[in-house]
Each structure stands twice: as C-alpha cells, then as structure tokens.
Amino acid sequence: MERCHRRYEHRREEGIAIAPSLHTPVVFLPDEATDPLHHDPRSEGERGKTPLGFKVMAVLCFVGSLLLVPSIVMLLLGVGDAFSKSGDFSIMTRVIYVIMAVGSFVAVITFVVLGVMLFRFRRRAARHTAETLMVLVLVELLCDLMLYGLTVDAAAFVLAEIVLIATLTYIDPTLSQERHLQRTLRDMEVREEAEEGTLGLDKTGKGFIELDFFNLFWIFVICAFVGDMVESVYHVLVVDPGHWQDRAGVLYGPFSPIYGFGAVLMTIALNRFHNAHIIVTFLVSAVIGGAFEYFTSWFMQFAFGAVAWDYSGTFGNIGGRTNVFFMSMWGLLGVAWIKLLLPFMLRLVNLIPWKWRYTVTTVAAALMIVDGAMTLLALDFWYERLAGHRPDNALAEFFARHYDNAWMADRFQSMSIIPDSSTRTR
C-alpha cells in the first residue's frame, strides 16, 4: 500500500499522472480543480448544478413516499382490527402491526428527506439518510414476513434494498471524488497484497480485516459449511450416537446459514476486539451469539411457525431459545474465531487468484442468493400446506410437486412446522 502511494507521489511530483492503462503518461494541469487529490468542500452541493441522475433519484424518492401512503392506511386499518378483535389476534401480532405501521410512517418521512438531500446534491447527508432507510426497509420486510409470509410486498422490500445499495454506491462522496485514482491504485495494491498474502487486512489498524463484501461473504460461506459439519458430527457422536441427522439449513448444499450469519455478526462486532483480553472477547461473543440465536429462533417461529431447536428444561435456558451452555459455546467460538481462525480464513480466501476473485465471488453469491430465496419459498409453502391451504397458483404447485411435505421433513430433519405458533393473519 505504502509503496503504491510512494510510486504515485513520485510520478505526481514529476508532473505525471497514472493513466488507466498504467502506461500512458498524462501531464497534470496547474488548475487545482483538475487535481484528483484536491478536495473542494463545495463539491457536495454549493458548486454547480445538481446532476441529472440525482434529480431523477430525488423524484423517485418523492414518488416512493407517495406510494407508501396507501400501505400506511391499510396498516392502520389492520392495527384497528387487531385491537378491536383482540380475540382473533395474539399480542405479538398486534405488536408487529404497530411496529410495521410506525416503521412505514418513518420510512415515508425518510424517503422525503432523502429526496431533498439528493435534489440539493448533499452527498454525505444523502448517504447517511439512505443507510437509515435501508435499516427501516429491513425491519419492514421482517415484519411483513411474520404477518403475511412471502408475498409481492416482500419482493418489493427486497427490490427497495437492492436499489438503496446501488444508490449508496452512486452517491458516496468518497467514490465521486477519486473514483478513477482509486481504481488505478486498487489494481496495483491488490496485485502486491495478493503476492504478499496480506490482502483483506485492515490497513487503518482499527480492526483486523476490512469489513467489505468480499471478506464478509466468504466468511459467511466458510462458516455456514463448517458449522453444518461440526453440528452434524456433534449430533452423531454426542446427541444421538450412531444416528446421522441432516443439519443443513438450505435446500441445497451442506450449509447452515445461522452459523454463517453468526460468524459475520461476530466478525463485525469483534473486529475491533482482535487485541482485547480473552475474557472481554469471550463475554462479548457469548452475549452477541446468544442474542442472535434467540432472535433467529423467535423469527423462524413467528414467521413460519418453525421450531428448529428447543432448549426448554436445560440449565439457564431463556424461553427455550438459548441457554447458558450454548451461550458459552458462542463465547468460545468467538475467541477461537477472532484469535485463531480469522487469520487462517484470510489466508485461505487469498488462495483465490486475484484476477478471478471478483468473478468467483459474484457467481458464488448469485448461487447462494438463489438457494436462500428458494429455501424461504419452500418453507413458506410448507407452512401453507400444513396450515390446510391448498396450492392456489403455479408457483405453489411447483413447490408442492418438487418439495412436498415428506421431502421437506427429510431435508430439515431438526425442524418442525407448527402453524398455530406463528403470528400470521392468514
């Protein structure tokens, strides 16, 4: 990294810029407005006109906020029904209705604020507003799944998240100021770091690794695989000796997403604790892991009526969703992960040739997303069938034919679907 910057500064002092091809010299002009390293504070809105792309996105935000108004009205009506017909709705269903209604109202206001920030060309404020909106949309998606299952609205929420991610990439001020220079230096840095085996390390020193998509995705994949293997072996050796049970959490592949997401969460939370005392790391890991396990169990039950594990009757259990033993296991895993396994994982990922890493990651991410989406659909239709609802469309018939109740029970051997325990309104 330092060699790349020294090389760039040396050429800059000689009046030469690095061209995209890394071979063609370009003479720097004396006007500092052409200097890619020069930061002009007026570039975030005070200077010039708002680009057309920002105006278009601003208009879309205003339109999106208007389109949410009917949804808020329907949600308010649903809240009214939930409280007026208390016998037909559980307390949890009413709470989720209220959360979704409040979230939708806040989302409308946030959409308007984002539109104003984009229209005024305030990149930094727009970025923070878009990040807030992404969290709100995610909360709305989870509530919608728990109330209605997988519907067109859920697909709309997913699409909104994708659009917001693309918007963040476009409006980020750091990307707009030095995009060309960063691409050039990044190619040089990646080549050198890949050769040195240090690619992916956090160069600021605040954490151990860079929390970018590439690192986090492969952490998810590797840990989902290892977690499934460890849990399966633990079951056949300890829980039910001699009896193999499929512990996978997706339709295809030996992957258990809870371990993948848990590892990503642990990495994000513990990245700054890589030099902390082992007891601090253990306690933070235990709390985060236990909370994540509890939330996952709670969400699966209320969204799909699925009970994937039940620790009732065990020492220190919390609602049967986690207990002291497994929280301690999360603590030990966190210590082992951040102290020992994460450096090994980084070296393992760096074995992917740097020229192929983005292509391989893109293909693998696409396959994992398809597998995850099909898994959610299969669980949703499994729930519908067990709840007594016959397939009423081509998609439901497809899953009933290829992933019937017997197939799903054999694939998800540790999971039980209990429709009466969900919070769905249908």
Protein backbone atom coordinates (compact mmCIF):
# COMPACT_ATOMS: atom_id res chain seq x y z
CA MET A 1 0.00 0.00 0.00
CA GLU A 2 2.70 2.47 1.01
CA ARG A 3 4.83 1.52 -1.99
CA CYS A 4 1.88 2.24 -4.30
CA HIS A 5 1.33 5.69 -2.79
CA ARG A 6 5.06 6.49 -2.86
CA ARG A 7 5.16 5.44 -6.51
CA TYR A 8 2.15 7.64 -7.26
CA GLU A 9 3.52 10.65 -5.35
CA HIS A 10 6.88 10.31 -7.13
CA ARG A 11 5.19 10.42 -10.52
CA ARG A 12 2.97 13.28 -9.40
CA GLU A 13 5.97 15.35 -8.34
CA GLU A 14 7.39 14.84 -11.81
CA GLY A 15 4.13 16.13 -13.34
CA ILE A 16 2.86 12.72 -14.49
CA ALA A 17 -0.43 11.06 -13.59
CA ILE A 18 -1.19 7.36 -13.78
CA ALA A 19 -3.41 6.66 -16.77
CA PRO A 20 -5.96 3.84 -16.71
CA SER A 21 -3.62 1.60 -18.70
CA LEU A 22 -0.76 2.22 -16.26
CA HIS A 23 1.46 3.02 -19.25
CA THR A 24 0.20 6.23 -20.81
CA PRO A 25 1.56 9.39 -19.05
CA VAL A 26 -0.72 12.36 -18.63
CA VAL A 27 0.58 15.85 -17.78
CA PHE A 28 -1.00 17.45 -14.73
CA LEU A 29 -2.62 20.83 -15.34
CA PRO A 30 -1.84 23.63 -12.89
CA ASP A 31 -5.52 24.21 -12.15
CA GLU A 32 -6.14 22.51 -8.80
CA ALA A 33 -9.69 21.77 -9.87
CA THR A 34 -8.20 19.04 -12.09
CA ASP A 35 -6.19 17.51 -9.26
CA PRO A 36 -7.93 14.26 -8.24
CA LEU A 37 -6.44 14.55 -4.75
CA HIS A 38 -7.77 18.05 -4.20
CA HIS A 39 -10.88 18.14 -2.01
CA ASP A 40 -13.20 21.03 -2.68
CA PRO A 41 -15.76 21.35 0.11
CA ARG A 42 -18.11 22.98 -2.35
CA SER A 43 -18.30 19.74 -4.35
CA GLU A 44 -21.15 18.46 -2.19
CA GLY A 45 -23.73 20.91 -3.38
CA GLU A 46 -22.62 24.50 -3.18
CA ARG A 47 -20.84 24.48 -6.53
CA GLY A 48 -22.61 24.00 -9.86
CA LYS A 49 -25.93 22.37 -10.61
CA THR A 50 -27.34 19.13 -9.32
CA PRO A 51 -26.55 16.29 -11.78
CA LEU A 52 -29.49 14.84 -13.69
CA GLY A 53 -29.00 11.43 -12.07
CA PHE A 54 -29.51 12.93 -8.60
CA LYS A 55 -32.64 14.76 -9.74
CA VAL A 56 -34.09 11.52 -11.14
CA MET A 57 -33.36 9.66 -7.89
CA ALA A 58 -34.89 12.52 -5.90
CA VAL A 59 -38.10 12.35 -7.93
CA LEU A 60 -38.22 8.56 -7.43
CA CYS A 61 -37.90 9.08 -3.67
CA PHE A 62 -40.83 11.52 -3.66
CA VAL A 63 -42.92 9.12 -5.76
CA GLY A 64 -41.94 6.22 -3.49
CA SER A 65 -43.05 8.14 -0.41
CA LEU A 66 -46.45 8.78 -2.00
CA LEU A 67 -46.83 5.11 -2.93
CA LEU A 68 -46.29 4.17 0.72
CA VAL A 69 -49.24 6.26 1.90
CA PRO A 70 -51.91 3.67 0.91
CA SER A 71 -49.87 0.99 2.69
CA ILE A 72 -49.87 3.09 5.85
CA VAL A 73 -53.64 3.49 5.63
CA MET A 74 -54.07 -0.28 5.22
CA LEU A 75 -51.72 -0.92 8.12
CA LEU A 76 -53.65 1.49 10.34
CA LEU A 77 -56.84 -0.34 9.44
CA GLY A 78 -55.07 -3.61 10.28
CA VAL A 79 -53.98 -2.17 13.63
CA GLY A 80 -57.58 -1.15 14.29
CA ASP A 81 -58.84 -4.65 13.50
CA ALA A 82 -56.10 -6.24 15.59
CA PHE A 83 -57.09 -4.22 18.66
CA SER A 84 -60.86 -4.26 18.11
CA LYS A 85 -60.89 -8.02 17.53
CA SER A 86 -58.47 -8.92 20.27
CA GLY A 87 -59.72 -12.49 20.41
CA ASP A 88 -58.65 -13.18 16.83
CA PHE A 89 -55.13 -11.75 17.13
CA SER A 90 -52.33 -12.58 19.53
CA ILE A 91 -50.49 -9.89 21.46
CA MET A 92 -47.40 -10.47 19.34
CA THR A 93 -49.40 -9.97 16.12
CA ARG A 94 -50.71 -6.65 17.40
CA VAL A 95 -47.21 -5.55 18.43
CA ILE A 96 -45.85 -6.39 14.97
CA TYR A 97 -48.70 -4.46 13.33
CA VAL A 98 -47.83 -1.38 15.40
CA ILE A 99 -44.10 -1.69 14.65
CA MET A 100 -44.79 -2.01 10.93
CA ALA A 101 -47.19 0.97 10.91
CA VAL A 102 -44.73 3.20 12.78
CA GLY A 103 -41.87 1.99 10.59
CA SER A 104 -43.83 2.77 7.41
CA PHE A 105 -44.62 6.28 8.64
CA VAL A 106 -40.96 6.93 9.48
CA ALA A 107 -39.93 5.44 6.11
CA VAL A 108 -42.18 7.92 4.28
CA ILE A 109 -40.55 10.84 6.08
CA THR A 110 -37.08 9.39 5.44
CA PHE A 111 -37.84 8.96 1.73
CA VAL A 112 -38.82 12.63 1.55
CA VAL A 113 -35.65 13.68 3.40
CA LEU A 114 -33.53 11.54 1.07
CA GLY A 115 -35.22 13.14 -1.94
CA VAL A 116 -34.48 16.62 -0.62
CA MET A 117 -30.85 15.73 0.08
CA LEU A 118 -30.43 14.28 -3.41
CA PHE A 119 -32.14 17.25 -5.07
CA ARG A 120 -29.84 19.64 -3.18
CA PHE A 121 -26.82 17.49 -4.10
CA ARG A 122 -25.88 16.83 -0.46
CA ARG A 123 -23.99 13.59 -0.99
CA ARG A 124 -22.86 12.93 2.58
CA ALA A 125 -26.24 13.64 4.17
CA ALA A 126 -27.95 11.59 1.45
CA ARG A 127 -25.64 8.66 2.16
CA HIS A 128 -26.48 8.65 5.89
CA THR A 129 -30.19 9.01 5.14
CA ALA A 130 -30.07 6.11 2.68
CA GLU A 131 -28.31 3.93 5.28
CA THR A 132 -31.06 4.72 7.79
CA LEU A 133 -33.69 3.91 5.18
CA MET A 134 -32.06 0.54 4.50
CA VAL A 135 -32.48 -0.40 8.17
CA LEU A 136 -36.13 0.70 8.12
CA VAL A 137 -36.86 -1.30 4.97
CA LEU A 138 -35.23 -4.38 6.52
CA VAL A 139 -37.41 -4.05 9.63
CA GLU A 140 -40.50 -3.68 7.42
CA LEU A 141 -39.51 -6.79 5.46
CA LEU A 142 -39.12 -8.90 8.61
CA CYS A 143 -42.47 -7.68 9.98
CA ASP A 144 -44.18 -8.33 6.64
CA LEU A 145 -42.83 -11.90 6.60
CA MET A 146 -44.13 -12.53 10.10
CA LEU A 147 -47.59 -11.17 9.29
CA TYR A 148 -48.23 -12.32 5.73
CA GLY A 149 -45.47 -14.71 4.71
CA LEU A 150 -43.79 -14.38 1.31
CA THR A 151 -45.91 -12.03 -0.80
CA VAL A 152 -45.40 -9.47 -3.55
CA ASP A 153 -44.83 -6.87 -0.83
CA ALA A 154 -41.83 -8.85 0.43
CA ALA A 155 -40.36 -8.86 -3.08
CA ALA A 156 -40.90 -5.08 -3.24
CA PHE A 157 -38.97 -4.64 0.02
CA VAL A 158 -36.08 -6.74 -1.31
CA LEU A 159 -36.05 -4.69 -4.51
CA ALA A 160 -36.02 -1.49 -2.46
CA GLU A 161 -32.97 -2.75 -0.54
CA ILE A 162 -31.15 -3.50 -3.79
CA VAL A 163 -31.97 -0.04 -5.18
CA LEU A 164 -30.78 1.61 -1.95
CA ILE A 165 -27.49 -0.30 -2.10
CA ALA A 166 -26.99 0.84 -5.70
CA THR A 167 -27.88 4.40 -4.69
CA LEU A 168 -25.32 4.35 -1.88
CA THR A 169 -22.65 3.23 -4.32
CA TYR A 170 -23.52 6.09 -6.65
CA ILE A 171 -23.84 8.93 -4.14
CA ASP A 172 -20.93 8.09 -1.82
CA PRO A 173 -18.78 11.27 -1.80
CA THR A 174 -15.51 9.36 -1.46
CA LEU A 175 -16.28 7.42 -4.62
CA SER A 176 -17.18 10.52 -6.60
CA GLN A 177 -14.03 12.48 -5.74
CA GLU A 178 -11.32 9.97 -6.56
CA ARG A 179 -13.03 7.15 -8.44
CA HIS A 180 -10.51 6.94 -11.26
CA LEU A 181 -7.49 7.24 -8.98
CA GLN A 182 -8.85 4.65 -6.58
CA ARG A 183 -9.45 2.14 -9.34
CA THR A 184 -5.89 2.57 -10.61
CA LEU A 185 -4.26 2.34 -7.20
CA ARG A 186 -6.55 -0.52 -6.17
CA ASP A 187 -5.35 -2.66 -9.06
CA MET A 188 -1.74 -2.01 -8.07
CA GLU A 189 -2.43 -2.63 -4.37
CA VAL A 190 -4.43 -5.82 -4.93
CA ARG A 191 -1.66 -7.28 -7.07
CA GLU A 192 1.03 -6.56 -4.47
CA GLU A 193 -1.07 -7.57 -1.44
CA ALA A 194 -2.12 -10.81 -3.10
CA GLU A 195 1.53 -11.63 -3.67
CA GLU A 196 2.34 -10.82 -0.03
CA GLY A 197 -0.71 -12.65 1.39
CA THR A 198 -1.97 -9.54 3.20
CA LEU A 199 -5.00 -8.83 1.00
CA GLY A 200 -8.05 -8.05 3.14
CA LEU A 201 -6.24 -6.80 6.24
CA ASP A 202 -7.50 -3.57 7.81
CA LYS A 203 -4.81 -1.04 6.94
CA THR A 204 -6.09 1.54 9.44
CA GLY A 205 -5.16 -0.68 12.38
CA LYS A 206 -8.61 -0.22 13.97
CA GLY A 207 -9.66 -3.77 13.13
CA PHE A 208 -8.09 -6.99 11.91
CA ILE A 209 -9.72 -7.24 8.48
CA GLU A 210 -11.56 -4.92 6.12
CA LEU A 211 -15.30 -5.32 6.54
CA ASP A 212 -16.05 -5.35 2.83
CA PHE A 213 -18.45 -7.56 0.90
CA PHE A 214 -15.75 -9.91 -0.35
CA ASN A 215 -14.41 -10.78 3.11
CA LEU A 216 -17.83 -10.97 4.77
CA PHE A 217 -19.33 -13.13 2.02
CA TRP A 218 -16.59 -15.75 2.20
CA ILE A 219 -16.74 -15.70 6.00
CA PHE A 220 -20.45 -16.50 5.66
CA VAL A 221 -19.89 -19.35 3.19
CA ILE A 222 -16.99 -20.99 5.01
CA CYS A 223 -18.62 -20.78 8.44
CA ALA A 224 -22.01 -21.96 7.15
CA PHE A 225 -20.25 -25.03 5.80
CA VAL A 226 -18.02 -25.66 8.83
CA GLY A 227 -20.93 -25.03 11.23
CA ASP A 228 -23.10 -27.59 9.45
CA MET A 229 -20.29 -30.17 9.54
CA VAL A 230 -19.50 -29.58 13.23
CA GLU A 231 -23.16 -29.71 14.28
CA SER A 232 -23.79 -32.89 12.28
CA VAL A 233 -20.75 -34.62 13.78
CA TYR A 234 -21.68 -33.43 17.30
CA HIS A 235 -25.17 -34.86 16.85
CA VAL A 236 -24.00 -38.27 15.59
CA LEU A 237 -21.34 -38.58 18.30
CA VAL A 238 -22.99 -36.97 21.35
CA VAL A 239 -26.71 -36.20 20.99
CA ASP A 240 -27.82 -39.42 19.26
CA PRO A 241 -24.78 -41.71 18.89
CA GLY A 242 -24.71 -43.61 15.63
CA HIS A 243 -27.66 -41.75 14.08
CA TRP A 244 -26.80 -39.26 11.33
CA GLN A 245 -29.13 -36.29 11.03
CA ASP A 246 -29.04 -33.73 8.23
CA ARG A 247 -28.50 -30.37 9.92
CA ALA A 248 -28.37 -28.20 6.78
CA GLY A 249 -30.49 -25.05 6.71
CA VAL A 250 -30.94 -24.57 2.96
CA LEU A 251 -32.45 -26.65 0.17
CA TYR A 252 -29.15 -27.47 -1.48
CA GLY A 253 -25.64 -27.75 -0.15
CA PRO A 254 -24.13 -28.55 3.27
CA PHE A 255 -24.69 -25.07 4.66
CA SER A 256 -26.25 -23.88 7.91
CA PRO A 257 -26.97 -20.15 7.46
CA ILE A 258 -27.27 -19.47 11.19
CA TYR A 259 -23.55 -20.17 11.59
CA GLY A 260 -22.72 -18.11 8.52
CA PHE A 261 -24.71 -15.10 9.71
CA GLY A 262 -23.45 -15.63 13.24
CA ALA A 263 -19.84 -15.55 12.02
CA VAL A 264 -20.47 -12.38 10.04
CA LEU A 265 -22.09 -10.77 13.08
CA MET A 266 -19.20 -11.91 15.28
CA THR A 267 -16.64 -10.57 12.82
CA ILE A 268 -18.32 -7.16 12.64
CA ALA A 269 -18.70 -6.96 16.42
CA LEU A 270 -15.29 -8.38 17.36
CA ASN A 271 -13.14 -6.91 14.60
CA ARG A 272 -12.08 -4.06 16.89
CA PHE A 273 -11.52 -6.51 19.77
CA HIS A 274 -8.86 -8.58 17.99
CA ASN A 275 -6.27 -7.35 20.51
CA ALA A 276 -8.63 -7.28 23.52
CA HIS A 277 -8.27 -9.53 26.57
CA ILE A 278 -9.58 -13.04 26.03
CA ILE A 279 -12.23 -12.63 28.79
CA VAL A 280 -13.64 -9.50 27.14
CA THR A 281 -13.78 -11.29 23.80
CA PHE A 282 -15.49 -14.29 25.41
CA LEU A 283 -18.18 -12.22 27.14
CA VAL A 284 -18.94 -10.11 24.08
CA SER A 285 -19.14 -13.25 21.92
CA ALA A 286 -21.41 -15.04 24.39
CA VAL A 287 -23.88 -12.15 24.61
CA ILE A 288 -23.97 -11.48 20.87
CA GLY A 289 -24.19 -15.17 19.96
CA GLY A 290 -26.94 -15.86 22.49
CA ALA A 291 -28.93 -12.84 21.38
CA PHE A 292 -28.56 -13.84 17.73
CA GLU A 293 -29.64 -17.43 18.44
CA TYR A 294 -32.65 -16.19 20.43
CA PHE A 295 -33.72 -13.75 17.70
CA THR A 296 -33.35 -16.35 14.94
CA SER A 297 -35.46 -18.88 16.84
CA TRP A 298 -38.08 -16.23 17.60
CA PHE A 299 -38.25 -15.01 14.00
CA MET A 300 -38.48 -18.50 12.49
CA GLN A 301 -41.31 -19.43 14.82
CA PHE A 302 -43.41 -16.33 14.31
CA ALA A 303 -42.73 -16.01 10.56
CA PHE A 304 -43.00 -19.67 9.54
CA GLY A 305 -44.25 -21.49 12.63
CA ALA A 306 -40.90 -23.31 12.56
CA VAL A 307 -39.22 -24.66 15.68
CA ALA A 308 -35.65 -25.51 14.70
CA TRP A 309 -34.41 -26.11 18.26
CA ASP A 310 -35.86 -26.14 21.76
CA TYR A 311 -33.69 -25.93 24.87
CA SER A 312 -36.59 -25.97 27.34
CA GLY A 313 -35.68 -27.78 30.54
CA THR A 314 -31.94 -27.18 30.16
CA PHE A 315 -29.87 -25.16 32.64
CA GLY A 316 -30.15 -21.41 32.22
CA ASN A 317 -32.42 -21.58 29.19
CA ILE A 318 -34.11 -18.37 28.03
CA GLY A 319 -37.53 -19.23 26.64
CA GLY A 320 -36.11 -22.46 25.25
CA ARG A 321 -34.36 -20.45 22.51
CA THR A 322 -30.88 -20.36 24.01
CA ASN A 323 -29.19 -21.37 27.24
CA VAL A 324 -26.03 -20.88 29.27
CA PHE A 325 -24.25 -23.83 27.64
CA PHE A 326 -24.75 -22.63 24.09
CA MET A 327 -24.02 -19.02 25.02
CA SER A 328 -20.73 -20.29 26.44
CA MET A 329 -20.15 -22.19 23.21
CA TRP A 330 -20.72 -18.95 21.27
CA GLY A 331 -18.20 -17.28 23.59
CA LEU A 332 -15.56 -19.94 22.97
CA LEU A 333 -16.26 -19.88 19.23
CA GLY A 334 -15.85 -16.10 19.23
CA VAL A 335 -12.49 -16.32 20.98
CA ALA A 336 -11.26 -19.08 18.66
CA TRP A 337 -12.62 -17.23 15.65
CA ILE A 338 -11.09 -13.81 16.22
CA LYS A 339 -7.80 -15.07 17.74
CA LEU A 340 -7.04 -18.13 15.60
CA LEU A 341 -9.44 -18.92 12.78
CA LEU A 342 -9.91 -15.49 11.19
CA PRO A 343 -6.23 -15.13 10.21
CA PHE A 344 -6.35 -18.66 8.76
CA MET A 345 -9.57 -17.86 6.91
CA LEU A 346 -7.99 -14.77 5.39
CA ARG A 347 -5.05 -16.81 4.12
CA LEU A 348 -7.48 -19.41 2.75
CA VAL A 349 -9.51 -16.81 0.85
CA ASN A 350 -6.32 -15.28 -0.54
CA LEU A 351 -5.65 -18.58 -2.30
CA ILE A 352 -8.23 -17.49 -4.87
CA PRO A 353 -6.22 -15.90 -7.72
CA TRP A 354 -6.73 -12.15 -7.52
CA LYS A 355 -7.76 -11.95 -11.18
CA TRP A 356 -10.59 -14.42 -10.55
CA ARG A 357 -11.67 -13.39 -7.05
CA TYR A 358 -14.44 -10.98 -8.07
CA THR A 359 -15.82 -13.27 -10.77
CA VAL A 360 -15.81 -16.28 -8.46
CA THR A 361 -17.40 -14.24 -5.67
CA THR A 362 -20.13 -12.89 -7.95
CA VAL A 363 -21.06 -16.36 -9.23
CA ALA A 364 -20.97 -17.89 -5.73
CA ALA A 365 -23.06 -15.04 -4.28
CA ALA A 366 -25.67 -15.43 -7.04
CA LEU A 367 -25.95 -19.17 -6.38
CA MET A 368 -26.22 -18.62 -2.63
CA ILE A 369 -28.92 -15.97 -3.06
CA VAL A 370 -30.95 -18.28 -5.35
CA ASP A 371 -30.56 -21.14 -2.85
CA GLY A 372 -31.64 -18.89 0.02
CA ALA A 373 -34.64 -17.49 -1.87
CA MET A 374 -35.82 -20.98 -2.85
CA THR A 375 -35.40 -22.12 0.75
CA LEU A 376 -37.62 -19.30 2.05
CA LEU A 377 -40.24 -20.08 -0.62
CA ALA A 378 -40.14 -23.80 0.18
CA LEU A 379 -40.57 -23.10 3.92
CA ASP A 380 -43.41 -20.70 3.22
CA PHE A 381 -45.33 -23.17 1.04
CA TRP A 382 -44.60 -25.98 3.52
CA TYR A 383 -46.19 -23.81 6.20
CA GLU A 384 -49.20 -23.10 3.92
CA ARG A 385 -49.79 -26.80 3.26
CA LEU A 386 -49.54 -27.75 6.93
CA ALA A 387 -51.94 -24.91 7.76
CA GLY A 388 -54.51 -26.53 5.45
CA HIS A 389 -54.19 -24.14 2.49
CA ARG A 390 -54.20 -25.87 -0.88
CA PRO A 391 -51.81 -24.61 -3.62
CA ASP A 392 -53.64 -21.86 -5.49
CA ASN A 393 -51.06 -20.78 -8.07
CA ALA A 394 -48.43 -22.24 -10.38
CA LEU A 395 -45.52 -21.45 -8.03
CA ALA A 396 -47.23 -23.12 -5.07
CA GLU A 397 -48.00 -26.17 -7.20
CA PHE A 398 -44.36 -26.35 -8.37
CA PHE A 399 -43.06 -26.43 -4.78
CA ALA A 400 -45.79 -28.86 -3.71
CA ARG A 401 -44.74 -31.21 -6.51
CA HIS A 402 -40.95 -30.97 -6.15
CA TYR A 403 -40.63 -30.13 -2.42
CA ASP A 404 -43.58 -31.83 -0.78
CA ASN A 405 -44.05 -32.32 2.96
CA ALA A 406 -42.11 -35.60 3.05
CA TRP A 407 -39.19 -34.11 1.11
CA MET A 408 -39.04 -31.04 3.38
CA ALA A 409 -39.27 -33.14 6.56
CA ASP A 410 -36.39 -35.31 5.35
CA ARG A 411 -34.27 -32.31 4.35
CA PHE A 412 -34.91 -30.28 7.51
CA GLN A 413 -34.85 -33.15 9.99
CA SER A 414 -34.32 -30.97 13.05
CA MET A 415 -37.15 -28.56 12.19
CA SER A 416 -40.86 -28.72 12.98
CA ILE A 417 -43.53 -26.51 11.43
CA ILE A 418 -46.34 -25.58 13.86
CA PRO A 419 -48.75 -23.14 12.13
CA ASP A 420 -50.63 -22.34 15.34
CA SER A 421 -47.47 -20.86 16.88
CA SER A 422 -46.96 -18.26 14.14
CA THR A 423 -48.30 -14.70 14.11
CA ARG A 424 -49.67 -14.81 10.58
CA THR A 425 -53.05 -13.28 9.92
CA ARG A 426 -53.97 -15.92 7.34
